[in-house]
Amino acid sequence: MIAYDHVAWKRHEWRRGDRWYSLEVRQDLFGTWVVIAAWGGLRSRIKGQKEWRCGSKKEAEEIASNLRKHRSERGYEEESLRCVATPEN
């Protein structure tokens, strides 16, 4: 049985001018922790995405923390910090 930690799934979004960037920390179908970064232009169809498969939740959080710091250093303003999924009650 795969154990999902929905509470730890996070999504972050940034904007700078006409550019956007998003970052997700979550588990895939098999329970592996992944970090997904996506970016693009608000006025163009040009986009990109990169995915890191991690050996642990801690590793995924470290990668995400480094990416968040890099976005801040590049002048992006974070728009939201929210949980993607919530646990069932």
C-alpha atoms as a PDB file:
ATOM      1  CA  MET A   1       0.000   0.000   0.000  1.00  0.00           C
ATOM      2  CA  ILE A   2       1.371   3.419  -0.972  1.00  0.00           C
ATOM      3  CA  ALA A   3       1.329   6.033   1.787  1.00  0.00           C
ATOM      4  CA  TYR A   4       0.500   9.532   0.525  1.00  0.00           C
ATOM      5  CA  ASP A   5       1.218  12.599   2.663  1.00  0.00           C
ATOM      6  CA  HIS A   6      -1.317  15.014   1.102  1.00  0.00           C
ATOM      7  CA  VAL A   7      -0.790  17.610   3.823  1.00  0.00           C
ATOM      8  CA  ALA A   8       2.820  18.108   2.703  1.00  0.00           C
ATOM      9  CA  TRP A   9       1.928  18.738  -0.955  1.00  0.00           C
ATOM     10  CA  LYS A  10       2.635  22.390  -1.797  1.00  0.00           C
ATOM     11  CA  ARG A  11       2.296  24.743  -4.745  1.00  0.00           C
ATOM     12  CA  HIS A  12       4.008  28.118  -5.069  1.00  0.00           C
ATOM     13  CA  GLU A  13       3.497  30.742  -7.771  1.00  0.00           C
ATOM     14  CA  TRP A  14       5.511  33.825  -8.742  1.00  0.00           C
ATOM     15  CA  ARG A  15       5.272  36.624 -11.277  1.00  0.00           C
ATOM     16  CA  ARG A  16       7.658  39.246 -12.556  1.00  0.00           C
ATOM     17  CA  GLY A  17       6.437  41.522 -15.288  1.00  0.00           C
ATOM     18  CA  ASP A  18       4.991  39.298 -17.986  1.00  0.00           C
ATOM     19  CA  ARG A  19       6.769  36.137 -16.741  1.00  0.00           C
ATOM     20  CA  TRP A  20       5.370  33.454 -14.425  1.00  0.00           C
ATOM     21  CA  TYR A  21       6.906  30.564 -12.514  1.00  0.00           C
ATOM     22  CA  SER A  22       5.305  27.773 -10.500  1.00  0.00           C
ATOM     23  CA  LEU A  23       6.702  25.123  -8.205  1.00  0.00           C
ATOM     24  CA  GLU A  24       5.000  21.985  -6.890  1.00  0.00           C
ATOM     25  CA  VAL A  25       6.166  19.516  -4.255  1.00  0.00           C
ATOM     26  CA  ARG A  26       4.060  16.371  -4.288  1.00  0.00           C
ATOM     27  CA  GLN A  27       4.043  12.626  -4.697  1.00  0.00           C
ATOM     28  CA  ASP A  28       3.490  10.843  -7.978  1.00  0.00           C
ATOM     29  CA  LEU A  29       1.246   7.848  -8.598  1.00  0.00           C
ATOM     30  CA  PHE A  30       3.804   5.525  -7.039  1.00  0.00           C
ATOM     31  CA  GLY A  31       4.370   7.614  -3.899  1.00  0.00           C
ATOM     32  CA  THR A  32       7.737   9.029  -5.036  1.00  0.00           C
ATOM     33  CA  TRP A  33       8.337  12.636  -4.024  1.00  0.00           C
ATOM     34  CA  VAL A  34       8.723  14.978  -6.997  1.00  0.00           C
ATOM     35  CA  VAL A  35       9.449  18.661  -7.470  1.00  0.00           C
ATOM     36  CA  ILE A  36       7.957  20.180 -10.615  1.00  0.00           C
ATOM     37  CA  ALA A  37       8.998  23.637 -11.805  1.00  0.00           C
ATOM     38  CA  ALA A  38       7.155  25.298 -14.696  1.00  0.00           C
ATOM     39  CA  TRP A  39       7.664  28.722 -16.273  1.00  0.00           C
ATOM     40  CA  GLY A  40       6.592  30.839 -19.176  1.00  0.00           C
ATOM     41  CA  GLY A  41       5.412  34.163 -20.516  1.00  0.00           C
ATOM     42  CA  LEU A  42       1.965  35.613 -19.940  1.00  0.00           C
ATOM     43  CA  ARG A  43       1.872  37.007 -23.476  1.00  0.00           C
ATOM     44  CA  SER A  44       3.484  34.137 -25.325  1.00  0.00           C
ATOM     45  CA  ARG A  45       3.043  30.431 -25.810  1.00  0.00           C
ATOM     46  CA  ILE A  46       6.615  29.713 -24.800  1.00  0.00           C
ATOM     47  CA  LYS A  47       6.738  27.533 -21.692  1.00  0.00           C
ATOM     48  CA  GLY A  48       9.032  25.103 -19.971  1.00  0.00           C
ATOM     49  CA  GLN A  49       8.936  22.484 -17.260  1.00  0.00           C
ATOM     50  CA  LYS A  50      11.463  20.486 -15.265  1.00  0.00           C
ATOM     51  CA  GLU A  51      10.883  17.629 -12.848  1.00  0.00           C
ATOM     52  CA  TRP A  52      13.122  16.245 -10.101  1.00  0.00           C
ATOM     53  CA  ARG A  53      12.408  12.766  -8.676  1.00  0.00           C
ATOM     54  CA  CYS A  54      13.531  12.655  -5.070  1.00  0.00           C
ATOM     55  CA  GLY A  55      14.492   9.854  -2.736  1.00  0.00           C
ATOM     56  CA  SER A  56      12.674  11.416   0.219  1.00  0.00           C
ATOM     57  CA  LYS A  57      10.316  14.177   1.290  1.00  0.00           C
ATOM     58  CA  LYS A  58      13.273  15.968   2.904  1.00  0.00           C
ATOM     59  CA  GLU A  59      15.213  15.982  -0.376  1.00  0.00           C
ATOM     60  CA  ALA A  60      12.178  17.387  -2.229  1.00  0.00           C
ATOM     61  CA  GLU A  61      11.771  20.135   0.381  1.00  0.00           C
ATOM     62  CA  GLU A  62      15.472  21.061   0.103  1.00  0.00           C
ATOM     63  CA  ILE A  63      15.258  21.353  -3.695  1.00  0.00           C
ATOM     64  CA  ALA A  64      12.087  23.439  -3.406  1.00  0.00           C
ATOM     65  CA  SER A  65      13.692  25.707  -0.799  1.00  0.00           C
ATOM     66  CA  ASN A  66      16.677  26.353  -3.084  1.00  0.00           C
ATOM     67  CA  LEU A  67      14.373  27.095  -6.026  1.00  0.00           C
ATOM     68  CA  ARG A  68      12.240  29.468  -3.928  1.00  0.00           C
ATOM     69  CA  LYS A  69      15.377  31.325  -2.823  1.00  0.00           C
ATOM     70  CA  HIS A  70      16.558  31.581  -6.444  1.00  0.00           C
ATOM     71  CA  ARG A  71      13.184  33.008  -7.559  1.00  0.00           C
ATOM     72  CA  SER A  72      13.368  35.658  -4.840  1.00  0.00           C
ATOM     73  CA  GLU A  73      16.930  36.585  -5.816  1.00  0.00           C
ATOM     74  CA  ARG A  74      15.792  37.001  -9.438  1.00  0.00           C
ATOM     75  CA  GLY A  75      13.144  39.561  -8.427  1.00  0.00           C
ATOM     76  CA  TYR A  76      10.046  37.376  -8.623  1.00  0.00           C
ATOM     77  CA  GLU A  77       7.265  38.090  -6.136  1.00  0.00           C
ATOM     78  CA  GLU A  78       5.530  35.074  -4.644  1.00  0.00           C
ATOM     79  CA  GLU A  79       1.791  35.215  -5.266  1.00  0.00           C
ATOM     80  CA  SER A  80       0.501  32.301  -3.245  1.00  0.00           C
ATOM     81  CA  LEU A  81       1.406  29.523  -0.884  1.00  0.00           C
ATOM     82  CA  ARG A  82      -1.294  26.926  -0.563  1.00  0.00           C
ATOM     83  CA  CYS A  83      -1.838  23.262  -0.061  1.00  0.00           C
ATOM     84  CA  VAL A  84      -2.753  21.422  -3.266  1.00  0.00           C
ATOM     85  CA  ALA A  85      -4.702  18.700  -1.517  1.00  0.00           C
ATOM     86  CA  THR A  86      -6.241  18.371   1.912  1.00  0.00           C
ATOM     87  CA  PRO A  87      -6.615  15.215   3.956  1.00  0.00           C
ATOM     88  CA  GLU A  88      -9.975  13.541   4.133  1.00  0.00           C
ATOM     89  CA  ASN A  89     -11.743  13.845   7.479  1.00  0.00           C
END
